[in-house]
Protein backbone atom coordinates (compact mmCIF):
# COMPACT_ATOMS: atom_id res chain seq x y z
CA MET A 1 0.00 -0.01 0.00
CA LYS A 2 2.79 2.38 0.93
CA ARG A 3 4.53 1.68 -2.39
CA ARG A 4 1.28 2.17 -4.31
CA ASN A 5 0.59 5.49 -2.51
CA PHE A 6 4.16 6.64 -3.25
CA ILE A 7 3.75 5.88 -6.95
CA LYS A 8 0.38 7.70 -7.00
CA LYS A 9 1.91 10.78 -5.32
CA ALA A 10 4.93 10.69 -7.56
CA SER A 11 2.71 10.44 -10.64
CA ALA A 12 0.53 13.33 -9.48
CA SER A 13 3.61 15.46 -8.81
CA SER A 14 4.94 14.63 -12.30
CA LEU A 15 1.65 15.59 -13.86
CA GLY A 16 1.66 18.84 -11.90
CA LEU A 17 5.12 19.63 -13.13
CA ILE A 18 4.13 18.86 -16.67
CA ALA A 19 1.02 21.03 -16.43
CA ALA A 20 2.99 23.87 -14.92
CA SER A 21 5.68 23.46 -17.59
CA SER A 22 3.01 23.51 -20.29
CA LEU A 23 1.41 26.63 -18.82
CA ILE A 24 4.74 28.45 -18.68
CA SER A 25 5.53 27.29 -22.20
CA CYS A 26 2.10 28.53 -23.40
CA GLN A 27 2.62 31.91 -21.69
CA GLU A 28 6.08 32.26 -23.17
CA SER A 29 4.75 31.25 -26.62
CA LYS A 30 2.01 33.92 -26.33
CA LYS A 31 4.57 36.51 -25.24
CA ASP A 32 6.87 35.60 -28.12
CA LYS A 33 3.95 35.83 -30.56
CA ILE A 34 3.05 39.32 -29.34
CA GLU A 35 6.68 40.44 -29.51
CA ASN A 36 6.97 39.08 -33.04
CA ILE A 37 3.87 40.97 -34.09
CA ILE A 38 5.29 44.20 -32.67
CA LYS A 39 8.59 43.65 -34.42
CA SER A 40 6.99 42.59 -37.70
CA ASN A 41 7.48 44.76 -40.73
CA ASN A 42 3.94 43.88 -41.79
CA LEU A 43 2.38 46.21 -39.26
CA ILE A 44 -0.06 48.62 -40.88
CA ARG A 45 0.45 52.07 -39.37
CA PRO A 46 -0.47 54.76 -38.95
CA LEU A 47 -4.19 53.89 -39.13
CA VAL A 48 -7.45 55.47 -38.09
CA ILE A 49 -10.94 53.91 -38.14
CA ALA A 50 -14.10 55.63 -36.92
CA THR A 51 -17.84 54.91 -36.93
CA TRP A 52 -20.12 56.51 -39.52
CA LYS A 53 -19.23 59.02 -42.24
CA THR A 54 -16.71 61.05 -40.31
CA ASP A 55 -14.32 62.12 -43.09
CA LEU A 56 -13.05 65.31 -41.49
CA ALA A 57 -12.67 63.77 -38.07
CA VAL A 58 -10.63 60.85 -39.44
CA GLU A 59 -8.58 63.21 -41.63
CA THR A 60 -7.81 65.37 -38.57
CA ALA A 61 -6.68 62.34 -36.58
CA ALA A 62 -4.61 61.11 -39.49
CA LYS A 63 -2.72 64.39 -39.75
CA VAL A 64 -1.75 64.08 -36.10
CA LEU A 65 -0.35 60.59 -36.77
CA GLU A 66 1.46 61.49 -39.94
CA GLN A 67 3.23 64.28 -38.04
CA GLY A 68 4.44 61.73 -35.48
CA GLY A 69 1.80 62.42 -32.85
CA SER A 70 0.44 59.81 -30.50
CA ALA A 71 -2.66 57.70 -31.13
CA LEU A 72 -4.10 59.25 -27.93
CA LYS A 73 -3.76 62.79 -29.31
CA ALA A 74 -5.12 61.66 -32.66
CA VAL A 75 -8.37 60.19 -31.36
CA GLU A 76 -8.93 63.18 -29.10
CA GLN A 77 -8.46 65.71 -31.87
CA GLY A 78 -10.54 63.67 -34.28
CA CYS A 79 -13.47 63.43 -31.90
CA ARG A 80 -13.33 67.11 -31.18
CA VAL A 81 -14.19 67.74 -34.82
CA GLU A 82 -17.51 65.97 -34.49
CA GLU A 83 -18.22 67.60 -31.11
CA ALA A 84 -17.97 71.00 -32.79
CA ASN A 85 -20.06 69.92 -35.80
CA GLU A 86 -23.53 71.38 -35.11
CA LYS A 87 -25.05 69.56 -38.05
CA GLY A 88 -24.30 66.18 -36.50
CA GLN A 89 -27.20 65.90 -33.98
CA SER A 90 -25.82 63.09 -31.89
CA VAL A 91 -22.39 64.35 -30.82
CA GLY A 92 -21.38 67.52 -28.96
CA LYS A 93 -22.99 70.87 -29.71
CA GLY A 94 -26.28 70.50 -31.57
CA GLY A 95 -26.85 67.04 -30.12
CA LEU A 96 -30.50 66.04 -29.73
CA PRO A 97 -31.62 66.58 -26.10
CA ASP A 98 -33.33 64.41 -23.56
CA ARG A 99 -37.13 64.51 -23.23
CA ASP A 100 -36.88 67.62 -21.04
CA GLY A 101 -34.88 69.53 -23.69
CA GLU A 102 -31.46 69.22 -21.97
CA VAL A 103 -28.42 68.23 -24.01
CA THR A 104 -26.23 65.92 -21.93
CA LEU A 105 -22.99 64.45 -23.23
CA ASP A 106 -20.99 61.28 -22.50
CA ALA A 107 -17.44 60.44 -23.51
CA CYS A 108 -14.50 58.19 -22.75
CA ILE A 109 -10.93 57.77 -23.83
CA ILE A 110 -8.32 55.00 -23.41
CA ASP A 111 -4.60 55.13 -24.02
CA HIS A 112 -2.15 52.37 -24.96
CA LYS A 113 -1.20 51.81 -21.32
CA GLY A 114 -4.76 50.95 -20.37
CA ASN A 115 -5.45 54.29 -18.65
CA TYR A 116 -9.09 55.31 -18.97
CA GLY A 117 -11.11 58.44 -18.39
CA ALA A 118 -14.83 59.11 -18.75
CA VAL A 119 -17.51 61.72 -18.14
CA LEU A 120 -21.25 61.11 -18.06
CA GLY A 121 -24.29 63.35 -18.26
CA VAL A 122 -22.34 66.57 -18.76
CA LYS A 123 -24.24 69.81 -19.57
CA ASN A 124 -22.94 72.99 -21.24
CA ILE A 125 -19.44 71.65 -21.99
CA LYS A 126 -18.83 70.93 -25.69
CA HIS A 127 -15.55 69.06 -25.84
CA VAL A 128 -16.26 66.26 -23.39
CA ILE A 129 -13.63 64.03 -25.06
CA SER A 130 -10.98 66.39 -23.86
CA LEU A 131 -12.61 66.53 -20.46
CA ALA A 132 -12.49 62.73 -20.30
CA ARG A 133 -8.76 62.89 -21.00
CA LYS A 134 -8.36 65.40 -18.17
CA VAL A 135 -10.14 63.02 -15.83
CA MET A 136 -7.74 60.26 -16.91
CA GLU A 137 -4.60 62.35 -16.53
CA LYS A 138 -5.33 64.75 -13.67
CA THR A 139 -7.56 62.94 -11.21
CA PRO A 140 -7.27 59.72 -9.19
CA HIS A 141 -10.54 58.58 -10.72
CA VAL A 142 -11.64 57.13 -14.03
CA MET A 143 -15.16 58.52 -14.17
CA LEU A 144 -16.91 61.82 -13.24
CA VAL A 145 -20.66 62.37 -13.56
CA GLY A 146 -23.03 65.28 -14.04
CA GLU A 147 -22.38 68.42 -11.95
CA GLY A 148 -19.17 67.00 -10.55
CA ALA A 149 -17.82 66.57 -14.08
CA LYS A 150 -18.98 70.02 -15.05
CA LYS A 151 -17.39 71.60 -11.96
CA PHE A 152 -14.11 69.89 -12.77
CA ALA A 153 -14.34 71.09 -16.37
CA ILE A 154 -14.68 74.70 -15.26
CA SER A 155 -11.75 74.33 -12.92
CA GLU A 156 -9.71 73.15 -15.88
CA GLY A 157 -10.62 76.17 -18.01
CA PHE A 158 -13.41 74.67 -20.14
CA LYS A 159 -15.93 77.26 -21.26
CA GLN A 160 -19.65 76.84 -20.68
CA GLU A 161 -22.02 77.27 -23.64
CA ASN A 162 -25.55 76.42 -24.66
CA LEU A 163 -25.40 73.17 -26.58
CA LEU A 164 -29.03 73.19 -27.78
CA THR A 165 -29.03 74.68 -31.27
CA LYS A 166 -32.09 76.05 -33.05
CA ALA A 167 -32.24 72.96 -35.23
CA SER A 168 -32.10 70.53 -32.34
CA LYS A 169 -34.66 72.52 -30.36
CA LYS A 170 -37.01 72.54 -33.31
CA ALA A 171 -36.65 68.74 -33.65
CA TRP A 172 -37.30 68.34 -29.91
CA LEU A 173 -40.46 70.48 -30.04
CA LYS A 174 -41.69 68.40 -32.97
CA TRP A 175 -41.00 65.23 -31.00
CA LYS A 176 -43.01 66.56 -28.03
CA GLU A 177 -46.18 66.53 -30.19
CA THR A 178 -46.30 62.76 -29.93
CA SER A 179 -43.51 61.98 -27.38
CA MET A 180 -42.85 58.57 -28.89
CA TYR A 181 -39.91 57.01 -27.12
CA LYS A 182 -38.49 54.71 -29.73
CA PRO A 183 -34.97 54.33 -31.17
CA ILE A 184 -34.77 55.19 -34.84
CA ILE A 185 -32.47 52.84 -36.77
CA ASN A 186 -29.58 54.62 -38.45
CA ILE A 187 -31.02 58.08 -37.66
CA GLU A 188 -29.48 60.39 -40.24
CA ASN A 189 -26.90 57.63 -40.88
CA HIS A 190 -24.98 59.21 -38.05
CA ASP A 191 -24.66 58.41 -34.41
CA THR A 192 -22.03 58.12 -31.71
CA ILE A 193 -18.48 58.51 -32.98
CA GLY A 194 -16.09 55.82 -31.81
CA MET A 195 -12.53 56.13 -33.06
CA LEU A 196 -9.50 53.86 -32.91
CA ALA A 197 -5.98 54.76 -34.02
CA ILE A 198 -2.52 53.15 -34.35
CA ASP A 199 0.41 55.56 -34.34
CA LYS A 200 3.87 55.18 -35.92
CA LYS A 201 5.13 53.48 -32.77
CA GLY A 202 2.45 50.86 -33.10
CA ASN A 203 0.52 52.02 -30.03
CA ILE A 204 -3.29 51.87 -30.02
CA SER A 205 -5.69 54.33 -28.36
CA GLY A 206 -9.44 54.86 -28.63
CA ALA A 207 -12.08 57.46 -27.93
CA CYS A 208 -15.89 57.66 -27.96
CA THR A 209 -18.22 60.67 -27.64
CA THR A 210 -21.98 61.11 -27.91
CA SER A 211 -25.06 63.05 -26.85
CA GLY A 212 -26.78 59.72 -26.34
CA LEU A 213 -30.17 58.43 -27.30
CA ALA A 214 -32.40 61.22 -28.60
CA TYR A 215 -35.18 62.20 -26.15
CA LYS A 216 -33.94 59.79 -23.51
CA MET A 217 -35.11 59.89 -19.92
CA PRO A 218 -33.07 62.46 -17.93
CA GLY A 219 -30.15 60.67 -16.36
CA ARG A 220 -29.95 57.93 -18.91
CA VAL A 221 -26.42 56.81 -19.86
CA GLY A 222 -25.66 54.35 -22.64
CA ASP A 223 -22.58 52.30 -23.54
CA SER A 224 -20.39 55.07 -24.94
CA PRO A 225 -18.57 56.16 -21.77
CA ILE A 226 -18.44 52.71 -20.21
CA ILE A 227 -15.16 50.84 -20.57
CA GLY A 228 -15.75 47.52 -22.25
CA GLY A 229 -19.15 48.64 -23.56
CA GLY A 230 -18.78 51.45 -26.08
CA LEU A 231 -14.98 51.22 -26.21
CA PHE A 232 -12.11 48.97 -25.21
CA VAL A 233 -8.41 48.84 -26.03
CA ASP A 234 -5.71 46.31 -25.13
CA ASN A 235 -2.47 47.52 -26.69
CA GLU A 236 -1.15 43.93 -27.02
CA ILE A 237 -4.23 42.79 -28.94
CA GLY A 238 -6.32 45.57 -30.47
CA GLY A 239 -9.36 47.75 -29.87
CA ALA A 240 -13.06 47.99 -30.58
CA ALA A 241 -15.83 50.61 -30.54
CA ALA A 242 -19.62 50.43 -30.68
CA THR A 243 -22.46 52.53 -31.99
CA GLY A 244 -26.23 52.16 -31.92
CA LEU A 245 -28.58 51.27 -29.04
CA GLY A 246 -26.30 51.33 -25.99
CA GLU A 247 -28.52 49.26 -23.78
CA GLU A 248 -27.95 46.24 -26.04
CA VAL A 249 -24.22 46.82 -26.31
CA LEU A 250 -23.89 46.94 -22.49
CA LYS A 251 -25.77 43.64 -22.01
CA THR A 252 -23.00 41.81 -23.89
CA VAL A 253 -20.07 44.08 -22.93
CA GLY A 254 -19.56 44.28 -26.67
CA SER A 255 -16.25 46.04 -27.22
CA PHE A 256 -14.49 44.05 -24.51
CA LEU A 257 -15.93 40.90 -26.01
CA ILE A 258 -14.48 41.72 -29.43
CA VAL A 259 -10.99 42.34 -28.05
CA GLU A 260 -11.12 39.07 -26.10
CA LEU A 261 -12.23 37.22 -29.24
CA MET A 262 -9.28 38.68 -31.07
CA ARG A 263 -7.06 37.53 -28.19
CA GLN A 264 -8.31 34.01 -28.87
CA GLY A 265 -7.18 34.31 -32.48
CA LYS A 266 -10.19 35.62 -34.36
CA THR A 267 -9.72 38.33 -36.95
CA PRO A 268 -11.36 41.77 -36.25
CA GLN A 269 -14.06 40.93 -38.80
CA GLU A 270 -14.79 37.55 -37.22
CA ALA A 271 -14.87 39.10 -33.75
CA CYS A 272 -17.32 41.83 -34.80
CA GLU A 273 -19.59 39.25 -36.43
CA GLU A 274 -19.65 37.08 -33.33
CA ALA A 275 -20.36 40.08 -31.07
CA ILE A 276 -23.39 40.95 -33.22
CA GLY A 277 -24.38 37.26 -33.03
CA ARG A 278 -24.41 37.45 -29.24
CA ILE A 279 -27.03 40.22 -29.49
CA VAL A 280 -29.32 38.86 -32.19
CA ASN A 281 -29.35 35.31 -30.78
CA LYS A 282 -30.55 36.39 -27.35
CA PRO A 283 -34.00 34.86 -26.65
CA GLY A 284 -36.93 37.23 -26.50
CA LYS A 285 -35.13 40.08 -28.31
CA ASN A 286 -36.56 41.57 -31.49
CA TYR A 287 -33.33 42.82 -33.06
CA LYS A 288 -35.31 44.20 -36.03
CA ASP A 289 -36.29 47.17 -33.82
CA PHE A 290 -32.82 48.51 -33.16
CA GLN A 291 -29.33 48.91 -34.63
CA VAL A 292 -25.89 48.06 -33.24
CA GLY A 293 -22.66 48.40 -35.17
CA TYR A 294 -19.04 47.59 -34.25
CA ILE A 295 -15.61 48.52 -35.59
CA ALA A 296 -12.38 46.81 -34.57
CA VAL A 297 -8.67 46.84 -35.27
CA ASN A 298 -5.93 44.40 -34.21
CA LYS A 299 -2.25 44.95 -33.51
CA GLN A 300 -1.29 44.15 -37.07
CA GLY A 301 -3.60 46.85 -38.38
CA GLU A 302 -6.30 44.53 -39.71
CA THR A 303 -9.76 45.99 -39.37
CA GLY A 304 -13.34 44.73 -39.18
CA ALA A 305 -16.86 46.09 -39.02
CA TYR A 306 -20.33 44.58 -38.72
CA SER A 307 -23.82 45.62 -37.80
CA ILE A 308 -27.31 44.21 -37.33
CA HIS A 309 -28.88 46.18 -40.15
CA GLN A 310 -27.77 47.70 -43.42
CA TRP A 311 -26.39 51.25 -43.79
CA PHE A 312 -23.98 51.31 -40.84
CA SER A 313 -20.75 52.74 -42.27
CA TYR A 314 -17.29 53.77 -41.16
CA ASN A 315 -14.26 55.77 -42.31
CA LYS A 316 -10.78 54.24 -42.48
CA TYR A 317 -7.50 55.99 -43.05
CA VAL A 318 -4.61 53.79 -44.21
CA ASP A 319 -1.75 54.26 -46.67
CA LYS A 320 -2.60 57.98 -46.77
CA VAL A 321 -6.10 57.28 -48.09
CA ASN A 322 -9.28 58.16 -46.18
CA THR A 323 -12.16 55.92 -47.33
CA HIS A 324 -15.82 55.76 -46.40
CA ILE A 325 -16.98 52.14 -46.33
CA GLN A 326 -20.40 50.47 -45.96
CA SER A 327 -20.30 47.76 -43.34
CA ASP A 328 -21.47 44.21 -43.88
CA PHE A 329 -24.57 43.39 -41.81
CA PHE A 330 -26.59 40.51 -40.35
CA ASN A 331 -30.21 41.17 -41.26
CA LYS A 332 -30.29 40.50 -45.00
CA VAL A 333 -33.94 39.32 -45.10
């Protein structure tokens, strides 16, 4: 019996050593793979990809990268373009208000080191993407909300201004005639801007900014400023951003899911498609009533995009060319 127990223990110890050895080997293999990707001459950079038809925003970000600027600076400057665009009624100034007529903005930003900053429900401050960066770099927190975020913005020199334009006010007053609270698929073919960039050093950063769902309940926050929901970046793997109905993105932690799928070996396109699949295959959900779209990029500079319905589009800058592209989509019936 003693000899048998000794053999069992010895065998178990051997198996443990083999398992540990295999784990270490696997970890080293993964590390080597990542290092080889970083050293590879096949890396595509600089690169910018952003949701919807955001030509000028992507061009602005690309100029930063071509001049040797960081991916972080590029996505911030790119998103600021849309925040200042009063004709785009879902980002920054001119954004459609909540049901009480108040424009509230959400934004988040992530750098290549994994640092993250976000602001939620901010009134009267136009460039909330820059405010999110200030939260990331100048506070011990990752998220500030409402009046606290606004107070911090003022202390950092941000100017207050009325974000409700005449056009957005007119649209809100028209909405009040029926007060129907229903998401409109692909409203104006423009929604939240999510942007990802790879700079000349191969570092990835991302940003996302929005005025949220039109005529939402006061206090509502969607996926855009939530890490892993509307945006996620892992500099070893890649990044992803979301647009559309935020409630549905949050339920599947969509952007984080896409990055993790890429970590497992899927291409950005495959990862985006699976993430949409997680939404449309949920029981009891009528996906025909709402839109969700994703963009993604991996460390090599490969990109992907996919949505539930047709007409989601994105802009991509690569090899000094800025192209507007229609995304593939799930609902082809």
